[in-house]
């Protein structure tokens, strides 16, 4: 039996008004068994101990929208609006990617995520079986879906079914079905995706209403908003759906979506960088729509740092709403933990530090000038912390980073191989 004790640590449990100033977390076989203030009174033999003095423990972040291997495109195609960026830079580069490049890019992104506190991620990219291999090697939770897009959608749906069969009993890798968007998938495709999701009981991961162009395309083609295209095809019926962006959801869309198991995934930095717009997050939350947080790919962000994303998420809503109280620090942390766990159907396993939940835990080092005094630990993390303040990361009870050092991968080797892949792809263009 694997046993782990984190002691002398502050604990953000993510339950309202339940901050433990100094306590311990006791873990057995990847499950949290005790979370209490004070000192651990049980048997301390045959267990690994982590001294969390000066640190704050909180649930690992769940990045709800990524294209992880796109770390290889970081900084590539700068300064273009979304459609030109995709057509002129991103899609031609991606057409030259080989499996080894995708694997190398995935490992680079996974290291970046672990080092900034992400313990689970929802991904949409090609060759997710290769990305699953990277997840297994790094012991990170991957919720993965191959994109379904364009005329070849039927074969892509079959690929998703095969991928599901391969990983349906896996503890760390779960398969989602991932139609790209209402403007790149036909009605027939979206109908079939909805049916397959219901049959396999797997969530849907899709882009909805990211740009004004997307809204114009669907209005011109169907006389419907992007959300109502999905509605008309039955995509949402009895399915869990994660929809990235949702920048241009209107009131009618929101009222309709309240009838479904739907999460809007907010990607503020990507939306700002591509000048896509500001998602109406405060309005969605007030109406009762679940909202989670994602970074999008490193090609449009340009990083996978959820702490930085939280800060931007809150500040942008305050500015957009002209309201300094909008999306406060605790609510913002919920987007990256509790709400995200609900989005992926893991609300009874992830998102809190509490007994019976999976031990996906990060320690943030508060022995830093910029994190003191500890007037409000939620505010300190969202508005003052850096991704580099994450000291230790535990996923499923396994220590994957300790004292800032990655334990599961050779970081230097991964960086070298990713840079080589980038140069190799450029040589093929």
Protein backbone atom coordinates (compact mmCIF):
# COMPACT_ATOMS: atom_id res chain seq x y z
CA UNK A 1 0.00 0.00 0.00
CA UNK A 2 1.40 3.39 -1.05
CA UNK A 3 1.12 5.96 1.73
CA UNK A 4 1.87 9.67 1.59
CA UNK A 5 1.65 12.35 4.27
CA UNK A 6 1.76 16.08 3.55
CA UNK A 7 2.23 17.88 6.87
CA UNK A 8 2.70 21.40 8.25
CA UNK A 9 0.78 22.82 5.31
CA UNK A 10 -1.98 25.36 4.73
CA UNK A 11 -4.90 23.78 2.87
CA UNK A 12 -7.42 25.29 0.47
CA UNK A 13 -10.03 22.54 0.35
CA UNK A 14 -12.24 24.51 -2.12
CA UNK A 15 -15.18 24.05 0.22
CA UNK A 16 -16.62 27.45 1.18
CA UNK A 17 -15.04 28.96 4.31
CA UNK A 18 -12.87 25.92 4.91
CA UNK A 19 -9.27 27.09 4.79
CA UNK A 20 -6.99 25.15 7.11
CA UNK A 21 -4.17 27.41 8.27
CA UNK A 22 -1.89 24.54 9.25
CA UNK A 23 -2.75 20.89 8.92
CA UNK A 24 -2.06 17.66 7.07
CA UNK A 25 -3.29 15.50 4.21
CA UNK A 26 -2.95 11.73 4.52
CA UNK A 27 -3.14 9.66 1.32
CA UNK A 28 -3.35 5.91 0.70
CA UNK A 29 -3.20 4.31 -2.76
CA UNK A 30 -3.99 7.59 -4.50
CA UNK A 31 -7.03 8.43 -2.33
CA UNK A 32 -7.24 11.19 0.27
CA UNK A 33 -8.01 9.53 3.62
CA UNK A 34 -7.69 12.43 6.07
CA UNK A 35 -7.66 16.23 5.78
CA UNK A 36 -7.38 17.92 9.16
CA UNK A 37 -5.81 20.78 11.05
CA UNK A 38 -3.00 20.07 13.49
CA UNK A 39 -0.66 17.07 13.37
CA UNK A 40 -1.18 13.56 12.02
CA UNK A 41 -1.66 11.09 14.90
CA UNK A 42 -1.50 7.87 12.90
CA UNK A 43 1.33 5.46 12.16
CA UNK A 44 4.20 7.25 10.38
CA UNK A 45 6.22 4.17 9.48
CA UNK A 46 6.40 3.05 5.85
CA UNK A 47 5.04 6.26 4.39
CA UNK A 48 6.53 9.06 2.36
CA UNK A 49 6.43 12.43 4.11
CA UNK A 50 6.39 15.86 2.48
CA UNK A 51 7.03 18.82 4.75
CA UNK A 52 4.72 21.53 3.44
CA UNK A 53 5.94 24.24 5.77
CA UNK A 54 5.40 27.65 4.21
CA UNK A 55 3.26 26.16 1.44
CA UNK A 56 -0.44 26.14 0.59
CA UNK A 57 -1.99 22.94 -0.76
CA UNK A 58 -4.93 23.08 -3.14
CA UNK A 59 -6.53 20.80 -5.74
CA UNK A 60 -4.55 20.45 -8.95
CA UNK A 61 -5.82 22.61 -11.80
CA UNK A 62 -7.92 21.08 -14.57
CA UNK A 63 -7.22 22.74 -17.91
CA UNK A 64 -10.51 22.24 -19.74
CA UNK A 65 -9.45 23.21 -23.27
CA UNK A 66 -6.08 22.48 -24.82
CA UNK A 67 -4.37 21.41 -28.01
CA UNK A 68 -1.29 20.27 -26.15
CA UNK A 69 1.12 19.35 -28.99
CA UNK A 70 0.67 22.89 -30.33
CA UNK A 71 3.48 23.86 -27.97
CA UNK A 72 5.53 23.22 -31.13
CA UNK A 73 3.79 26.23 -32.71
CA UNK A 74 4.44 28.61 -29.82
CA UNK A 75 5.08 32.03 -31.36
CA UNK A 76 4.51 30.74 -34.89
CA UNK A 77 2.16 32.85 -36.98
CA UNK A 78 2.04 35.86 -34.70
CA UNK A 79 -0.18 38.87 -35.30
CA UNK A 80 -2.88 37.35 -37.49
CA UNK A 81 -6.67 37.12 -36.92
CA UNK A 82 -8.05 33.64 -36.32
CA UNK A 83 -9.10 32.60 -39.83
CA UNK A 84 -5.90 33.85 -41.54
CA UNK A 85 -3.81 32.43 -38.69
CA UNK A 86 -5.38 28.99 -39.20
CA UNK A 87 -5.30 28.92 -43.01
CA UNK A 88 -1.93 30.55 -43.63
CA UNK A 89 0.14 29.22 -40.73
CA UNK A 90 -1.37 26.61 -38.43
CA UNK A 91 -3.02 24.16 -40.81
CA UNK A 92 -0.06 24.01 -43.26
CA UNK A 93 2.33 23.36 -40.35
CA UNK A 94 0.06 20.70 -38.84
CA UNK A 95 -0.22 18.92 -42.20
CA UNK A 96 3.50 18.16 -41.94
CA UNK A 97 3.45 16.80 -38.38
CA UNK A 98 4.46 13.19 -37.86
CA UNK A 99 3.62 11.02 -34.85
CA UNK A 100 7.00 11.59 -33.22
CA UNK A 101 6.51 15.37 -33.48
CA UNK A 102 3.08 15.15 -31.84
CA UNK A 103 4.54 13.00 -29.06
CA UNK A 104 7.43 15.40 -28.48
CA UNK A 105 5.11 18.41 -28.47
CA UNK A 106 2.74 16.68 -26.06
CA UNK A 107 5.53 15.88 -23.59
CA UNK A 108 6.77 19.49 -23.77
CA UNK A 109 3.25 20.74 -23.00
CA UNK A 110 2.78 18.22 -20.20
CA UNK A 111 5.98 19.36 -18.48
CA UNK A 112 4.83 22.96 -18.78
CA UNK A 113 1.44 22.09 -17.30
CA UNK A 114 2.81 20.06 -14.39
CA UNK A 115 5.31 22.79 -13.50
CA UNK A 116 2.49 25.35 -13.27
CA UNK A 117 0.09 23.13 -11.31
CA UNK A 118 -2.11 21.38 -13.88
CA UNK A 119 -2.92 17.78 -13.03
CA UNK A 120 -5.65 17.08 -15.63
CA UNK A 121 -6.30 18.44 -19.11
CA UNK A 122 -8.98 18.18 -21.79
CA UNK A 123 -7.37 17.93 -25.20
CA UNK A 124 -8.50 18.05 -28.82
CA UNK A 125 -5.80 17.07 -31.29
CA UNK A 126 -4.77 14.57 -33.92
CA UNK A 127 -3.32 11.20 -32.91
CA UNK A 128 -4.63 11.23 -29.35
CA UNK A 129 -3.33 7.68 -28.92
CA UNK A 130 0.17 9.18 -29.14
CA UNK A 131 -0.80 11.89 -26.63
CA UNK A 132 -2.22 9.16 -24.37
CA UNK A 133 1.20 7.50 -24.42
CA UNK A 134 2.73 10.79 -23.23
CA UNK A 135 0.10 11.06 -20.47
CA UNK A 136 0.88 7.57 -19.22
CA UNK A 137 4.60 8.29 -19.19
CA UNK A 138 4.08 11.50 -17.19
CA UNK A 139 1.30 10.18 -14.91
CA UNK A 140 -1.03 13.08 -15.78
CA UNK A 141 -4.77 12.75 -16.36
CA UNK A 142 -5.71 13.21 -20.01
CA UNK A 143 -9.27 13.63 -21.30
CA UNK A 144 -8.60 13.21 -24.98
CA UNK A 145 -10.52 13.53 -28.24
CA UNK A 146 -9.43 13.38 -31.89
CA UNK A 147 -10.95 16.31 -33.83
CA UNK A 148 -13.86 15.49 -36.10
CA UNK A 149 -13.86 17.99 -38.94
CA UNK A 150 -14.79 18.39 -42.60
CA UNK A 151 -15.69 15.74 -45.14
CA UNK A 152 -13.78 12.87 -43.56
CA UNK A 153 -15.92 12.91 -40.42
CA UNK A 154 -17.28 9.36 -40.68
CA UNK A 155 -13.83 7.79 -40.49
CA UNK A 156 -12.94 10.17 -37.68
CA UNK A 157 -15.99 9.07 -35.67
CA UNK A 158 -14.91 5.45 -36.14
CA UNK A 159 -11.42 6.38 -34.93
CA UNK A 160 -12.95 7.86 -31.78
CA UNK A 161 -14.92 4.67 -31.14
CA UNK A 162 -11.73 2.61 -31.56
CA UNK A 163 -9.85 4.95 -29.22
CA UNK A 164 -12.61 4.62 -26.64
CA UNK A 165 -12.45 0.83 -26.79
CA UNK A 166 -8.69 0.95 -26.28
CA UNK A 167 -8.81 3.14 -23.17
CA UNK A 168 -12.24 2.49 -21.67
CA UNK A 169 -10.78 0.77 -18.60
CA UNK A 170 -7.82 3.14 -18.17
CA UNK A 171 -7.56 5.04 -14.90
CA UNK A 172 -5.64 8.06 -16.19
CA UNK A 173 -6.77 8.41 -19.82
CA UNK A 174 -10.41 9.02 -20.74
CA UNK A 175 -11.73 9.47 -24.28
CA UNK A 176 -14.09 12.27 -25.30
CA UNK A 177 -15.69 12.78 -28.71
CA UNK A 178 -14.56 16.04 -30.28
CA UNK A 179 -16.45 17.59 -33.20
CA UNK A 180 -14.44 20.68 -34.07
CA UNK A 181 -17.26 23.22 -34.34
CA UNK A 182 -20.72 23.88 -35.81
CA UNK A 183 -19.19 25.66 -38.80
CA UNK A 184 -16.72 22.88 -39.71
CA UNK A 185 -19.08 19.92 -39.12
CA UNK A 186 -22.19 19.15 -41.13
CA UNK A 187 -25.65 18.65 -39.59
CA UNK A 188 -25.34 14.95 -40.36
CA UNK A 189 -21.96 14.80 -38.61
CA UNK A 190 -23.21 16.55 -35.46
CA UNK A 191 -26.25 14.25 -35.29
CA UNK A 192 -24.02 11.18 -35.49
CA UNK A 193 -21.62 12.57 -32.89
CA UNK A 194 -24.51 13.11 -30.47
CA UNK A 195 -25.71 9.54 -30.98
CA UNK A 196 -22.24 8.06 -30.47
CA UNK A 197 -21.69 10.15 -27.32
CA UNK A 198 -24.97 8.82 -25.88
CA UNK A 199 -24.17 5.25 -26.85
CA UNK A 200 -20.67 5.29 -25.33
CA UNK A 201 -21.66 7.62 -22.46
CA UNK A 202 -18.74 9.95 -23.13
CA UNK A 203 -18.61 13.77 -23.05
CA UNK A 204 -18.45 16.02 -26.10
CA UNK A 205 -15.65 18.58 -26.53
CA UNK A 206 -16.38 21.27 -29.15
CA UNK A 207 -15.66 24.91 -30.06
CA UNK A 208 -18.78 27.11 -30.08
CA UNK A 209 -19.20 30.81 -30.95
CA UNK A 210 -15.50 31.70 -30.77
CA UNK A 211 -15.58 34.55 -33.30
CA UNK A 212 -18.00 36.86 -35.08
CA UNK A 213 -17.01 35.13 -38.34
CA UNK A 214 -18.26 31.81 -36.97
CA UNK A 215 -21.59 33.39 -36.02
CA UNK A 216 -21.95 34.94 -39.50
CA UNK A 217 -21.10 31.62 -41.20
CA UNK A 218 -23.75 29.64 -39.30
CA UNK A 219 -26.34 32.40 -39.60
CA UNK A 220 -25.78 32.58 -43.36
CA UNK A 221 -25.82 28.79 -43.80
CA UNK A 222 -28.54 27.75 -41.34
CA UNK A 223 -30.21 30.96 -40.10
CA UNK A 224 -29.18 29.78 -36.63
CA UNK A 225 -26.60 30.72 -34.01
CA UNK A 226 -23.76 28.20 -33.50
CA UNK A 227 -25.35 26.99 -30.25
CA UNK A 228 -28.71 26.47 -31.93
CA UNK A 229 -27.08 24.52 -34.77
CA UNK A 230 -25.94 22.07 -32.09
CA UNK A 231 -29.39 22.15 -30.50
CA UNK A 232 -31.18 21.39 -33.79
CA UNK A 233 -28.94 18.38 -34.42
CA UNK A 234 -29.70 16.94 -30.97
CA UNK A 235 -26.02 17.14 -30.01
CA UNK A 236 -26.77 18.26 -26.44
CA UNK A 237 -29.55 15.75 -25.74
CA UNK A 238 -28.60 13.57 -22.74
CA UNK A 239 -24.93 14.39 -23.33
CA UNK A 240 -22.31 16.16 -21.25
CA UNK A 241 -20.83 18.94 -23.39
CA UNK A 242 -17.74 21.11 -22.92
CA UNK A 243 -17.83 24.05 -25.31
CA UNK A 244 -14.69 26.11 -25.68
CA UNK A 245 -14.85 29.90 -26.00
CA UNK A 246 -18.61 30.74 -26.09
CA UNK A 247 -17.65 34.37 -26.73
CA UNK A 248 -20.79 35.14 -28.73
CA UNK A 249 -23.49 33.25 -26.88
CA UNK A 250 -26.64 35.40 -26.79
CA UNK A 251 -29.44 35.40 -24.21
CA UNK A 252 -31.54 32.93 -26.20
CA UNK A 253 -28.56 30.57 -26.44
CA UNK A 254 -28.01 30.75 -22.69
CA UNK A 255 -31.65 30.09 -21.83
CA UNK A 256 -31.62 27.04 -24.12
CA UNK A 257 -28.35 25.72 -22.71
CA UNK A 258 -29.71 25.78 -19.15
CA UNK A 259 -31.72 22.69 -20.12
CA UNK A 260 -28.57 20.65 -20.78
CA UNK A 261 -25.46 19.32 -19.04
CA UNK A 262 -23.36 22.07 -20.58
CA UNK A 263 -20.13 23.79 -19.61
CA UNK A 264 -18.73 26.91 -21.24
CA UNK A 265 -14.93 26.85 -21.19
CA UNK A 266 -13.49 30.34 -20.85
CA UNK A 267 -10.17 30.97 -22.69
CA UNK A 268 -9.44 34.64 -21.97
CA UNK A 269 -5.84 34.93 -23.10
CA UNK A 270 -6.36 33.20 -26.44
CA UNK A 271 -9.52 35.23 -27.07
CA UNK A 272 -7.65 38.44 -26.31
CA UNK A 273 -4.59 37.57 -28.39
CA UNK A 274 -6.65 36.67 -31.47
CA UNK A 275 -8.98 39.64 -30.81
CA UNK A 276 -11.93 37.25 -30.76
CA UNK A 277 -13.82 39.05 -27.99
CA UNK A 278 -14.78 38.65 -24.33
CA UNK A 279 -16.97 35.75 -23.25
CA UNK A 280 -20.01 36.82 -21.13
CA UNK A 281 -18.80 34.74 -18.20
CA UNK A 282 -20.44 36.71 -15.40
CA UNK A 283 -23.80 36.60 -17.16
CA UNK A 284 -23.48 32.85 -17.76
CA UNK A 285 -22.60 32.15 -14.13
CA UNK A 286 -25.49 34.30 -12.88
CA UNK A 287 -27.88 32.42 -15.13
CA UNK A 288 -26.64 29.08 -13.77
CA UNK A 289 -24.42 27.85 -16.60
CA UNK A 290 -21.33 25.98 -15.43
CA UNK A 291 -18.15 27.79 -16.50
CA UNK A 292 -14.66 26.28 -16.44
CA UNK A 293 -11.28 27.56 -17.55
CA UNK A 294 -8.82 26.55 -20.26
CA UNK A 295 -5.68 27.93 -21.83
CA UNK A 296 -6.31 26.85 -25.43
CA UNK A 297 -3.15 25.87 -27.30
CA UNK A 298 0.25 27.41 -26.69
CA UNK A 299 0.16 28.69 -30.27
CA UNK A 300 -2.54 31.22 -29.39
CA UNK A 301 -1.87 31.91 -25.71
CA UNK A 302 1.28 31.46 -25.73
CA UNK A 303 1.56 29.23 -22.65
CA UNK A 304 -0.34 26.59 -20.67
CA UNK A 305 -0.09 28.36 -17.32
CA UNK A 306 -3.40 28.12 -15.46
CA UNK A 307 -2.35 30.53 -12.70
CA UNK A 308 -1.71 33.25 -15.25
CA UNK A 309 -4.97 32.31 -17.00
CA UNK A 310 -6.90 32.74 -13.74
CA UNK A 311 -5.52 36.21 -13.21
CA UNK A 312 -6.45 37.27 -16.75
CA UNK A 313 -9.85 35.60 -16.42
CA UNK A 314 -10.81 37.66 -13.40
CA UNK A 315 -9.30 40.98 -14.48
CA UNK A 316 -10.89 40.83 -17.92
CA UNK A 317 -14.36 40.23 -16.46
CA UNK A 318 -13.95 43.11 -14.02
CA UNK A 319 -13.00 45.42 -16.87
CA UNK A 320 -15.65 44.14 -19.26
CA UNK A 321 -18.40 44.43 -16.64
CA UNK A 322 -17.09 47.73 -15.20
CA UNK A 323 -17.45 45.99 -11.85
CA UNK A 324 -14.52 45.47 -9.46
CA UNK A 325 -16.47 42.73 -7.66
CA UNK A 326 -16.98 40.60 -10.79
CA UNK A 327 -15.45 37.10 -10.73
CA UNK A 328 -13.65 37.33 -7.39
CA UNK A 329 -10.59 35.26 -6.50
CA UNK A 330 -12.46 32.30 -4.97
CA UNK A 331 -14.91 32.14 -7.90
CA UNK A 332 -11.96 32.19 -10.28
CA UNK A 333 -10.30 29.30 -8.44
CA UNK A 334 -13.58 27.41 -8.80
CA UNK A 335 -13.34 27.72 -12.59
CA UNK A 336 -10.04 25.85 -12.53
CA UNK A 337 -10.99 23.20 -9.94
CA UNK A 338 -14.57 22.56 -8.80
CA UNK A 339 -16.36 23.74 -11.95
CA UNK A 340 -13.80 22.01 -14.13
CA UNK A 341 -14.29 18.71 -12.31
CA UNK A 342 -18.03 19.01 -12.91
CA UNK A 343 -17.37 19.74 -16.58
CA UNK A 344 -15.53 16.45 -17.08
CA UNK A 345 -17.91 14.38 -14.96
CA UNK A 346 -15.45 14.00 -12.07
CA UNK A 347 -17.17 16.18 -9.48
CA UNK A 348 -17.19 13.28 -7.00
CA UNK A 349 -13.47 12.59 -7.46
CA UNK A 350 -11.62 15.81 -8.29
CA UNK A 351 -11.75 19.54 -7.63
CA UNK A 352 -11.66 19.43 -3.80
CA UNK A 353 -9.21 18.31 -1.16
CA UNK A 354 -11.52 16.11 0.86
CA UNK A 355 -11.70 12.57 2.13
CA UNK A 356 -12.48 9.98 -0.54
CA UNK A 357 -11.32 12.17 -3.44
CA UNK A 358 -8.39 11.42 -5.73
CA UNK A 359 -5.10 12.81 -4.47
CA UNK A 360 -4.44 15.35 -7.23
CA UNK A 361 -2.80 18.06 -5.13
CA UNK A 362 -0.37 20.92 -5.70
CA UNK A 363 1.73 22.87 -3.21
CA UNK A 364 2.33 26.55 -3.85
CA UNK A 365 5.42 27.95 -2.15
CA UNK A 366 4.42 31.03 -0.14
CA UNK A 367 8.02 31.63 0.98
CA UNK A 368 8.18 34.37 -1.65
CA UNK A 369 8.11 38.14 -1.23
CA UNK A 370 5.31 38.58 -3.77
CA UNK A 371 3.01 36.20 -1.86
CA UNK A 372 3.20 37.95 1.50
CA UNK A 373 1.55 39.00 3.71
CA UNK A 374 -1.15 36.32 3.49
CA UNK A 375 -4.03 38.77 3.78
CA UNK A 376 -6.25 36.60 1.56
CA UNK A 377 -4.77 33.33 0.28
CA UNK A 378 -7.31 33.08 -2.58
CA UNK A 379 -6.37 36.57 -3.77
CA UNK A 380 -2.67 35.83 -3.31
CA UNK A 381 -2.89 32.83 -5.63
CA UNK A 382 -5.08 34.37 -8.34
CA UNK A 383 -3.58 37.87 -8.44
CA UNK A 384 -0.03 37.50 -7.07
CA UNK A 385 1.24 33.98 -7.72
CA UNK A 386 3.25 32.83 -10.71
CA UNK A 387 3.15 29.38 -12.30
CA UNK A 388 6.76 29.01 -11.15
CA UNK A 389 5.60 29.20 -7.51
CA UNK A 390 4.25 25.64 -7.76
CA UNK A 391 6.73 23.61 -5.73
CA UNK A 392 5.29 20.10 -5.61
CA UNK A 393 2.68 18.25 -7.70
CA UNK A 394 0.94 15.01 -6.77
CA UNK A 395 -1.30 13.19 -9.26
CA UNK A 396 -3.29 10.13 -8.23
CA UNK A 397 -1.15 9.94 -5.10
CA UNK A 398 2.13 9.88 -7.03
CA UNK A 399 4.66 12.68 -6.61
CA UNK A 400 5.39 13.84 -10.16
CA UNK A 401 7.23 17.03 -9.15
CA UNK A 402 8.95 17.68 -5.82
CA UNK A 403 10.87 20.79 -4.80
CA UNK A 404 10.45 22.13 -8.36
CA UNK A 405 12.02 19.04 -9.94
CA UNK A 406 10.07 16.89 -12.41
CA UNK A 407 10.35 13.26 -11.28
CA UNK A 408 8.63 11.45 -14.14
CA UNK A 409 10.37 12.85 -17.24
CA UNK A 410 13.81 14.00 -18.33
CA UNK A 411 12.99 17.68 -18.81
CA UNK A 412 16.18 18.59 -20.66
CA UNK A 413 15.75 15.71 -23.11
CA UNK A 414 12.09 16.59 -23.76
CA UNK A 415 12.97 20.22 -24.54
CA UNK A 416 15.76 19.15 -26.90
CA UNK A 417 13.51 16.74 -28.81
CA UNK A 418 10.68 19.28 -29.09
CA UNK A 419 13.02 21.86 -30.60
CA UNK A 420 14.30 19.26 -33.05
CA UNK A 421 10.72 18.41 -34.06
CA UNK A 422 9.95 22.08 -34.71
CA UNK A 423 12.95 22.39 -37.03
CA UNK A 424 12.10 19.09 -38.76
CA UNK A 425 8.55 20.25 -39.51
CA UNK A 426 9.78 23.57 -40.87
CA UNK A 427 12.12 21.68 -43.20
CA UNK A 428 9.13 19.79 -44.65
CA UNK A 429 7.11 22.92 -45.51
